[in-house]
Amino acid sequence: MKSGKVIKRDGAREKSQETRPEKRLDKRWYDDACGTAHALELLGERWSLLIVRELMFGPLRFSQLRAGLPGLSANVLTQRLEGLEAAGILIRRMLPPPASVQVYELTPWGYECEPAIQALGRWAARSPSHDPSLPLSAASLMLSFRTMVDRRRAGERPMTVGFLLEPDVFVARVDGDGVEVRREMPENTDFTLRGGPRGIAAVVYGGMPLAEAEAAGLVSVSGDQTAAERFVTLFPLPPKVGS
């Protein structure tokens, strides 16, 4: 519907009323039947895919999503959440008392996007311009472990790892099947890593020795130090293009 004026006549008076275009949630960018094109229509807007990434480990409040994506404004986050909800990728729901707060959570279909995100991550990590030292969120770090783990090496000696990333907490089970991650307080783990995602990534992906990161205050380890030293070697980055 095009914008324009509707003239209403009421006796000798004329009333003009501005009409507004209907908001279309089913807009199409490509008019292309390819599934890849439709995937971009669903998740191709700036920040949409990263919002899905942040929700991969369970529901989050609006403020938690903002904290994980500090470059995203509240207004744009609201728009993207509305679009993802309209597409059936996520839902809004209220947590039961005593929390009684609204959270956003992926639908079962939304969770099915993880392999696609992992494949994109592995592919893009081969770019010479990929910089693993840039900031990243706790959810991004956990998803990177699920993406980059060498399952053959991990299966040689399974382990349970805790992460205190303040305010985020996770427990990861690492074995030959990959990395299973749960958002819960670490208990009965082989060891626990405490620190920021960037500091842990500097050790795992940046080549910083764990002892050096501990001395610098970037990371601390409680529990089996030998297992921790082994853990940080289980996530080799793929070779860069042209290397």
C-alpha atoms as a PDB file:
ATOM      1  CA  MET A   1       0.000   0.000   0.000  1.00  0.00           C
ATOM      2  CA  LYS A   2       1.424   3.394  -0.987  1.00  0.00           C
ATOM      3  CA  SER A   3       1.437   6.355   1.347  1.00  0.00           C
ATOM      4  CA  GLY A   4      -1.051   9.074   0.443  1.00  0.00           C
ATOM      5  CA  LYS A   5      -3.945  11.150   1.694  1.00  0.00           C
ATOM      6  CA  VAL A   6      -7.456   9.902   2.273  1.00  0.00           C
ATOM      7  CA  ILE A   7     -10.029  12.696   2.091  1.00  0.00           C
ATOM      8  CA  LYS A   8     -13.110  12.308   4.274  1.00  0.00           C
ATOM      9  CA  ARG A   9     -16.051  14.639   3.631  1.00  0.00           C
ATOM     10  CA  ASP A  10     -18.266  15.527   6.583  1.00  0.00           C
ATOM     11  CA  GLY A  11     -20.785  18.135   5.442  1.00  0.00           C
ATOM     12  CA  ALA A  12     -18.824  21.275   4.565  1.00  0.00           C
ATOM     13  CA  ARG A  13     -15.697  20.015   6.326  1.00  0.00           C
ATOM     14  CA  GLU A  14     -12.915  18.020   4.775  1.00  0.00           C
ATOM     15  CA  LYS A  15     -10.674  15.869   6.915  1.00  0.00           C
ATOM     16  CA  SER A  16      -7.358  14.618   5.602  1.00  0.00           C
ATOM     17  CA  GLN A  17      -5.703  11.636   7.117  1.00  0.00           C
ATOM     18  CA  GLU A  18      -2.211  10.390   6.281  1.00  0.00           C
ATOM     19  CA  THR A  19      -2.163   6.700   5.552  1.00  0.00           C
ATOM     20  CA  ARG A  20       0.866   4.612   6.490  1.00  0.00           C
ATOM     21  CA  PRO A  21       2.425   1.671   4.680  1.00  0.00           C
ATOM     22  CA  GLU A  22       1.773  -1.654   6.321  1.00  0.00           C
ATOM     23  CA  LYS A  23       4.736  -3.180   8.108  1.00  0.00           C
ATOM     24  CA  ARG A  24       5.708  -6.305   6.218  1.00  0.00           C
ATOM     25  CA  LEU A  25       7.470  -9.001   8.191  1.00  0.00           C
ATOM     26  CA  ASP A  26       7.625 -11.242   5.128  1.00  0.00           C
ATOM     27  CA  LYS A  27       9.742  -8.900   2.998  1.00  0.00           C
ATOM     28  CA  ARG A  28      12.096 -10.566   0.575  1.00  0.00           C
ATOM     29  CA  TRP A  29      15.559  -9.318  -0.314  1.00  0.00           C
ATOM     30  CA  TYR A  30      16.453 -11.657  -3.136  1.00  0.00           C
ATOM     31  CA  ASP A  31      13.352 -13.242  -4.688  1.00  0.00           C
ATOM     32  CA  ASP A  32      15.432 -16.387  -4.999  1.00  0.00           C
ATOM     33  CA  ALA A  33      14.274 -19.927  -4.201  1.00  0.00           C
ATOM     34  CA  CYS A  34      17.747 -21.016  -3.036  1.00  0.00           C
ATOM     35  CA  GLY A  35      17.806 -22.077   0.603  1.00  0.00           C
ATOM     36  CA  THR A  36      20.984 -20.060   1.151  1.00  0.00           C
ATOM     37  CA  ALA A  37      19.228 -16.938  -0.086  1.00  0.00           C
ATOM     38  CA  HIS A  38      16.345 -17.553   2.297  1.00  0.00           C
ATOM     39  CA  ALA A  39      18.785 -18.145   5.170  1.00  0.00           C
ATOM     40  CA  LEU A  40      20.177 -14.682   4.496  1.00  0.00           C
ATOM     41  CA  GLU A  41      16.651 -13.265   4.486  1.00  0.00           C
ATOM     42  CA  LEU A  42      16.130 -14.810   7.923  1.00  0.00           C
ATOM     43  CA  LEU A  43      19.507 -14.048   9.505  1.00  0.00           C
ATOM     44  CA  GLY A  44      21.345 -11.738   7.137  1.00  0.00           C
ATOM     45  CA  GLU A  45      20.546  -8.425   8.823  1.00  0.00           C
ATOM     46  CA  ARG A  46      23.398  -6.947  10.865  1.00  0.00           C
ATOM     47  CA  TRP A  47      23.612  -8.524  14.363  1.00  0.00           C
ATOM     48  CA  SER A  48      20.896 -11.146  13.803  1.00  0.00           C
ATOM     49  CA  LEU A  49      23.230 -14.130  13.560  1.00  0.00           C
ATOM     50  CA  LEU A  50      25.227 -12.952  16.587  1.00  0.00           C
ATOM     51  CA  ILE A  51      22.029 -12.700  18.645  1.00  0.00           C
ATOM     52  CA  VAL A  52      21.317 -16.323  17.759  1.00  0.00           C
ATOM     53  CA  ARG A  53      24.894 -17.183  18.763  1.00  0.00           C
ATOM     54  CA  GLU A  54      24.422 -15.588  22.174  1.00  0.00           C
ATOM     55  CA  LEU A  55      21.275 -17.650  22.779  1.00  0.00           C
ATOM     56  CA  MET A  56      22.856 -21.002  21.892  1.00  0.00           C
ATOM     57  CA  PHE A  57      23.327 -21.953  25.543  1.00  0.00           C
ATOM     58  CA  GLY A  58      19.899 -21.078  26.871  1.00  0.00           C
ATOM     59  CA  PRO A  59      17.534 -18.156  27.442  1.00  0.00           C
ATOM     60  CA  LEU A  60      18.815 -14.664  28.267  1.00  0.00           C
ATOM     61  CA  ARG A  61      17.340 -11.384  29.415  1.00  0.00           C
ATOM     62  CA  PHE A  62      17.499  -8.295  27.218  1.00  0.00           C
ATOM     63  CA  SER A  63      20.248  -6.812  29.418  1.00  0.00           C
ATOM     64  CA  GLN A  64      22.321  -9.989  29.130  1.00  0.00           C
ATOM     65  CA  LEU A  65      22.108  -9.858  25.343  1.00  0.00           C
ATOM     66  CA  ARG A  66      23.262  -6.231  25.435  1.00  0.00           C
ATOM     67  CA  ALA A  67      26.196  -7.195  27.652  1.00  0.00           C
ATOM     68  CA  GLY A  68      27.289  -9.929  25.228  1.00  0.00           C
ATOM     69  CA  LEU A  69      27.006  -7.569  22.234  1.00  0.00           C
ATOM     70  CA  PRO A  70      28.201  -4.195  23.574  1.00  0.00           C
ATOM     71  CA  GLY A  71      28.308  -2.611  20.111  1.00  0.00           C
ATOM     72  CA  LEU A  72      24.590  -3.202  19.598  1.00  0.00           C
ATOM     73  CA  SER A  73      22.167  -0.420  20.539  1.00  0.00           C
ATOM     74  CA  ALA A  74      19.014  -1.158  22.518  1.00  0.00           C
ATOM     75  CA  ASN A  75      16.862   0.082  19.639  1.00  0.00           C
ATOM     76  CA  VAL A  76      18.471  -2.175  17.033  1.00  0.00           C
ATOM     77  CA  LEU A  77      18.430  -5.138  19.441  1.00  0.00           C
ATOM     78  CA  THR A  78      14.690  -4.644  19.925  1.00  0.00           C
ATOM     79  CA  GLN A  79      14.158  -4.574  16.143  1.00  0.00           C
ATOM     80  CA  ARG A  80      16.221  -7.694  15.569  1.00  0.00           C
ATOM     81  CA  LEU A  81      14.511  -9.619  18.356  1.00  0.00           C
ATOM     82  CA  GLU A  82      11.118  -8.733  16.882  1.00  0.00           C
ATOM     83  CA  GLY A  83      12.238  -9.924  13.450  1.00  0.00           C
ATOM     84  CA  LEU A  84      13.689 -13.184  14.766  1.00  0.00           C
ATOM     85  CA  GLU A  85      10.529 -13.823  16.754  1.00  0.00           C
ATOM     86  CA  ALA A  86       8.326 -13.150  13.721  1.00  0.00           C
ATOM     87  CA  ALA A  87      10.451 -15.619  11.733  1.00  0.00           C
ATOM     88  CA  GLY A  88       9.954 -18.339  14.353  1.00  0.00           C
ATOM     89  CA  ILE A  89      13.649 -18.452  15.341  1.00  0.00           C
ATOM     90  CA  LEU A  90      13.149 -17.343  18.936  1.00  0.00           C
ATOM     91  CA  ILE A  91      10.382 -16.806  21.467  1.00  0.00           C
ATOM     92  CA  ARG A  92       9.769 -14.532  24.430  1.00  0.00           C
ATOM     93  CA  ARG A  93       8.620 -15.996  27.714  1.00  0.00           C
ATOM     94  CA  MET A  94       8.433 -15.130  31.404  1.00  0.00           C
ATOM     95  CA  LEU A  95      10.532 -17.013  33.914  1.00  0.00           C
ATOM     96  CA  PRO A  96       8.472 -18.327  36.845  1.00  0.00           C
ATOM     97  CA  PRO A  97       8.674 -16.673  40.304  1.00  0.00           C
ATOM     98  CA  PRO A  98      10.771 -15.611  42.071  1.00  0.00           C
ATOM     99  CA  ALA A  99      12.601 -14.436  38.919  1.00  0.00           C
ATOM    100  CA  SER A 100       9.494 -13.213  37.047  1.00  0.00           C
ATOM    101  CA  VAL A 101      11.508 -11.629  34.233  1.00  0.00           C
ATOM    102  CA  GLN A 102      11.144 -11.811  30.477  1.00  0.00           C
ATOM    103  CA  VAL A 103      13.743 -13.822  28.572  1.00  0.00           C
ATOM    104  CA  TYR A 104      14.438 -14.634  24.953  1.00  0.00           C
ATOM    105  CA  GLU A 105      15.000 -18.234  23.929  1.00  0.00           C
ATOM    106  CA  LEU A 106      15.657 -20.038  20.673  1.00  0.00           C
ATOM    107  CA  THR A 107      12.981 -22.335  19.341  1.00  0.00           C
ATOM    108  CA  PRO A 108      13.993 -25.953  18.575  1.00  0.00           C
ATOM    109  CA  TRP A 109      14.372 -24.850  14.943  1.00  0.00           C
ATOM    110  CA  GLY A 110      16.504 -21.908  16.070  1.00  0.00           C
ATOM    111  CA  TYR A 111      18.900 -24.235  17.878  1.00  0.00           C
ATOM    112  CA  GLU A 112      19.319 -26.182  14.640  1.00  0.00           C
ATOM    113  CA  CYS A 113      21.278 -23.204  13.292  1.00  0.00           C
ATOM    114  CA  GLU A 114      24.370 -24.134  15.334  1.00  0.00           C
ATOM    115  CA  PRO A 115      26.039 -26.336  12.680  1.00  0.00           C
ATOM    116  CA  ALA A 116      25.690 -23.521  10.151  1.00  0.00           C
ATOM    117  CA  ILE A 117      27.303 -21.049  12.564  1.00  0.00           C
ATOM    118  CA  GLN A 118      30.106 -23.521  13.249  1.00  0.00           C
ATOM    119  CA  ALA A 119      30.736 -24.097   9.544  1.00  0.00           C
ATOM    120  CA  LEU A 120      30.914 -20.338   8.923  1.00  0.00           C
ATOM    121  CA  GLY A 121      33.280 -19.936  11.869  1.00  0.00           C
ATOM    122  CA  ARG A 122      35.654 -22.656  10.669  1.00  0.00           C
ATOM    123  CA  TRP A 123      35.586 -21.239   7.135  1.00  0.00           C
ATOM    124  CA  ALA A 124      36.210 -17.629   8.220  1.00  0.00           C
ATOM    125  CA  ALA A 125      39.013 -18.619  10.622  1.00  0.00           C
ATOM    126  CA  ARG A 126      41.107 -19.454   7.522  1.00  0.00           C
ATOM    127  CA  SER A 127      41.008 -15.821   6.416  1.00  0.00           C
ATOM    128  CA  PRO A 128      44.376 -14.023   6.779  1.00  0.00           C
ATOM    129  CA  SER A 129      42.486 -11.063   8.234  1.00  0.00           C
ATOM    130  CA  HIS A 130      40.850 -13.070  11.046  1.00  0.00           C
ATOM    131  CA  ASP A 131      42.124 -11.713  14.373  1.00  0.00           C
ATOM    132  CA  PRO A 132      41.492 -14.051  17.353  1.00  0.00           C
ATOM    133  CA  SER A 133      42.789 -11.407  19.770  1.00  0.00           C
ATOM    134  CA  LEU A 134      39.732  -9.164  19.310  1.00  0.00           C
ATOM    135  CA  PRO A 135      37.078  -9.063  22.073  1.00  0.00           C
ATOM    136  CA  LEU A 136      34.535 -11.866  22.189  1.00  0.00           C
ATOM    137  CA  SER A 137      31.635 -12.824  24.402  1.00  0.00           C
ATOM    138  CA  ALA A 138      31.435 -15.777  26.777  1.00  0.00           C
ATOM    139  CA  ALA A 139      28.927 -17.529  24.495  1.00  0.00           C
ATOM    140  CA  SER A 140      31.213 -16.955  21.511  1.00  0.00           C
ATOM    141  CA  LEU A 141      34.133 -18.536  23.390  1.00  0.00           C
ATOM    142  CA  MET A 142      32.073 -21.581  24.351  1.00  0.00           C
ATOM    143  CA  LEU A 143      30.776 -22.001  20.808  1.00  0.00           C
ATOM    144  CA  SER A 144      34.320 -21.711  19.474  1.00  0.00           C
ATOM    145  CA  PHE A 145      35.321 -24.690  21.633  1.00  0.00           C
ATOM    146  CA  ARG A 146      32.468 -26.729  20.179  1.00  0.00           C
ATOM    147  CA  THR A 147      33.554 -25.642  16.696  1.00  0.00           C
ATOM    148  CA  MET A 148      37.335 -26.018  16.836  1.00  0.00           C
ATOM    149  CA  VAL A 149      37.856 -29.039  19.105  1.00  0.00           C
ATOM    150  CA  ASP A 150      40.070 -31.839  17.793  1.00  0.00           C
ATOM    151  CA  ARG A 151      37.765 -34.726  18.699  1.00  0.00           C
ATOM    152  CA  ARG A 152      40.397 -37.376  18.180  1.00  0.00           C
ATOM    153  CA  ARG A 153      42.741 -35.814  20.733  1.00  0.00           C
ATOM    154  CA  ALA A 154      39.915 -34.911  23.095  1.00  0.00           C
ATOM    155  CA  GLY A 155      38.782 -38.542  23.176  1.00  0.00           C
ATOM    156  CA  GLU A 156      42.131 -39.750  24.478  1.00  0.00           C
ATOM    157  CA  ARG A 157      41.402 -38.415  27.955  1.00  0.00           C
ATOM    158  CA  PRO A 158      37.880 -37.007  28.559  1.00  0.00           C
ATOM    159  CA  MET A 159      37.545 -34.189  31.074  1.00  0.00           C
ATOM    160  CA  THR A 160      35.003 -31.906  32.683  1.00  0.00           C
ATOM    161  CA  VAL A 161      35.916 -28.229  32.737  1.00  0.00           C
ATOM    162  CA  GLY A 162      34.377 -25.338  34.652  1.00  0.00           C
ATOM    163  CA  PHE A 163      34.410 -21.725  33.494  1.00  0.00           C
ATOM    164  CA  LEU A 164      33.917 -18.696  35.728  1.00  0.00           C
ATOM    165  CA  LEU A 165      33.694 -15.860  33.231  1.00  0.00           C
ATOM    166  CA  GLU A 166      31.902 -13.383  35.535  1.00  0.00           C
ATOM    167  CA  PRO A 167      29.030 -13.046  35.350  1.00  0.00           C
ATOM    168  CA  ASP A 168      28.725 -16.060  33.046  1.00  0.00           C
ATOM    169  CA  VAL A 169      29.323 -19.597  34.292  1.00  0.00           C
ATOM    170  CA  PHE A 170      29.590 -22.795  32.245  1.00  0.00           C
ATOM    171  CA  VAL A 171      30.513 -26.443  32.541  1.00  0.00           C
ATOM    172  CA  ALA A 172      31.956 -28.265  29.522  1.00  0.00           C
ATOM    173  CA  ARG A 173      32.306 -32.003  29.013  1.00  0.00           C
ATOM    174  CA  VAL A 174      35.138 -32.674  26.546  1.00  0.00           C
ATOM    175  CA  ASP A 175      35.490 -36.105  24.923  1.00  0.00           C
ATOM    176  CA  GLY A 176      35.608 -37.887  21.582  1.00  0.00           C
ATOM    177  CA  ASP A 177      32.097 -36.722  20.739  1.00  0.00           C
ATOM    178  CA  GLY A 178      33.101 -33.082  21.011  1.00  0.00           C
ATOM    179  CA  VAL A 179      32.326 -30.447  23.630  1.00  0.00           C
ATOM    180  CA  GLU A 180      29.010 -30.397  25.477  1.00  0.00           C
ATOM    181  CA  VAL A 181      28.367 -27.079  27.204  1.00  0.00           C
ATOM    182  CA  ARG A 182      25.878 -26.296  29.954  1.00  0.00           C
ATOM    183  CA  ARG A 183      25.241 -22.906  31.536  1.00  0.00           C
ATOM    184  CA  GLU A 184      25.613 -23.853  35.216  1.00  0.00           C
ATOM    185  CA  MET A 185      27.869 -23.342  38.229  1.00  0.00           C
ATOM    186  CA  PRO A 186      30.991 -25.540  38.069  1.00  0.00           C
ATOM    187  CA  GLU A 187      31.005 -28.416  40.537  1.00  0.00           C
ATOM    188  CA  ASN A 188      32.998 -31.659  40.572  1.00  0.00           C
ATOM    189  CA  THR A 189      35.078 -30.599  37.579  1.00  0.00           C
ATOM    190  CA  ASP A 190      38.610 -31.718  36.736  1.00  0.00           C
ATOM    191  CA  PHE A 191      39.608 -28.062  36.830  1.00  0.00           C
ATOM    192  CA  THR A 192      38.059 -24.610  36.547  1.00  0.00           C
ATOM    193  CA  LEU A 193      39.277 -21.645  34.532  1.00  0.00           C
ATOM    194  CA  ARG A 194      38.507 -18.171  35.846  1.00  0.00           C
ATOM    195  CA  GLY A 195      39.016 -15.063  33.748  1.00  0.00           C
ATOM    196  CA  GLY A 196      37.648 -13.049  30.878  1.00  0.00           C
ATOM    197  CA  PRO A 197      36.859 -14.669  27.511  1.00  0.00           C
ATOM    198  CA  ARG A 198      39.585 -12.614  25.867  1.00  0.00           C
ATOM    199  CA  GLY A 199      42.244 -13.843  28.292  1.00  0.00           C
ATOM    200  CA  ILE A 200      41.267 -17.486  27.863  1.00  0.00           C
ATOM    201  CA  ALA A 201      41.176 -17.048  24.084  1.00  0.00           C
ATOM    202  CA  ALA A 202      44.698 -15.584  24.212  1.00  0.00           C
ATOM    203  CA  VAL A 203      45.899 -18.883  25.664  1.00  0.00           C
ATOM    204  CA  VAL A 204      43.798 -21.253  23.535  1.00  0.00           C
ATOM    205  CA  TYR A 205      44.015 -19.448  20.193  1.00  0.00           C
ATOM    206  CA  GLY A 206      46.728 -16.828  20.631  1.00  0.00           C
ATOM    207  CA  GLY A 207      49.515 -19.108  21.769  1.00  0.00           C
ATOM    208  CA  MET A 208      50.128 -17.440  25.138  1.00  0.00           C
ATOM    209  CA  PRO A 209      51.467 -20.011  27.632  1.00  0.00           C
ATOM    210  CA  LEU A 210      48.986 -20.752  30.399  1.00  0.00           C
ATOM    211  CA  ALA A 211      51.589 -20.022  33.082  1.00  0.00           C
ATOM    212  CA  GLU A 212      52.276 -16.626  31.505  1.00  0.00           C
ATOM    213  CA  ALA A 213      48.558 -15.780  31.408  1.00  0.00           C
ATOM    214  CA  GLU A 214      48.247 -16.765  35.071  1.00  0.00           C
ATOM    215  CA  ALA A 215      51.249 -14.607  36.015  1.00  0.00           C
ATOM    216  CA  ALA A 216      49.683 -11.671  34.176  1.00  0.00           C
ATOM    217  CA  GLY A 217      46.384 -12.128  36.027  1.00  0.00           C
ATOM    218  CA  LEU A 218      44.438 -12.910  32.860  1.00  0.00           C
ATOM    219  CA  VAL A 219      43.494 -16.451  33.871  1.00  0.00           C
ATOM    220  CA  SER A 220      43.535 -18.538  37.030  1.00  0.00           C
ATOM    221  CA  VAL A 221      43.300 -22.318  37.299  1.00  0.00           C
ATOM    222  CA  SER A 222      41.913 -24.323  40.186  1.00  0.00           C
ATOM    223  CA  GLY A 223      42.135 -28.097  40.094  1.00  0.00           C
ATOM    224  CA  ASP A 224      44.206 -30.344  37.865  1.00  0.00           C
ATOM    225  CA  GLN A 225      46.874 -28.109  36.325  1.00  0.00           C
ATOM    226  CA  THR A 226      48.090 -30.845  33.981  1.00  0.00           C
ATOM    227  CA  ALA A 227      44.588 -31.337  32.587  1.00  0.00           C
ATOM    228  CA  ALA A 228      44.272 -27.569  32.086  1.00  0.00           C
ATOM    229  CA  GLU A 229      47.583 -27.492  30.177  1.00  0.00           C
ATOM    230  CA  ARG A 230      46.278 -30.248  27.928  1.00  0.00           C
ATOM    231  CA  PHE A 231      42.862 -28.651  27.443  1.00  0.00           C
ATOM    232  CA  VAL A 232      44.246 -25.472  25.896  1.00  0.00           C
ATOM    233  CA  THR A 233      45.947 -27.514  23.149  1.00  0.00           C
ATOM    234  CA  LEU A 234      42.747 -29.204  21.923  1.00  0.00           C
ATOM    235  CA  PHE A 235      41.524 -26.381  19.670  1.00  0.00           C
ATOM    236  CA  PRO A 236      43.896 -25.856  16.722  1.00  0.00           C
ATOM    237  CA  LEU A 237      42.968 -23.121  14.274  1.00  0.00           C
ATOM    238  CA  PRO A 238      42.824 -24.194  10.613  1.00  0.00           C
ATOM    239  CA  PRO A 239      45.650 -23.081   8.310  1.00  0.00           C
ATOM    240  CA  LYS A 240      45.276 -19.675   6.716  1.00  0.00           C
ATOM    241  CA  VAL A 241      44.449 -19.422   3.020  1.00  0.00           C
ATOM    242  CA  GLY A 242      47.644 -19.369   0.991  1.00  0.00           C
ATOM    243  CA  SER A 243      49.846 -20.641   3.805  1.00  0.00           C
END
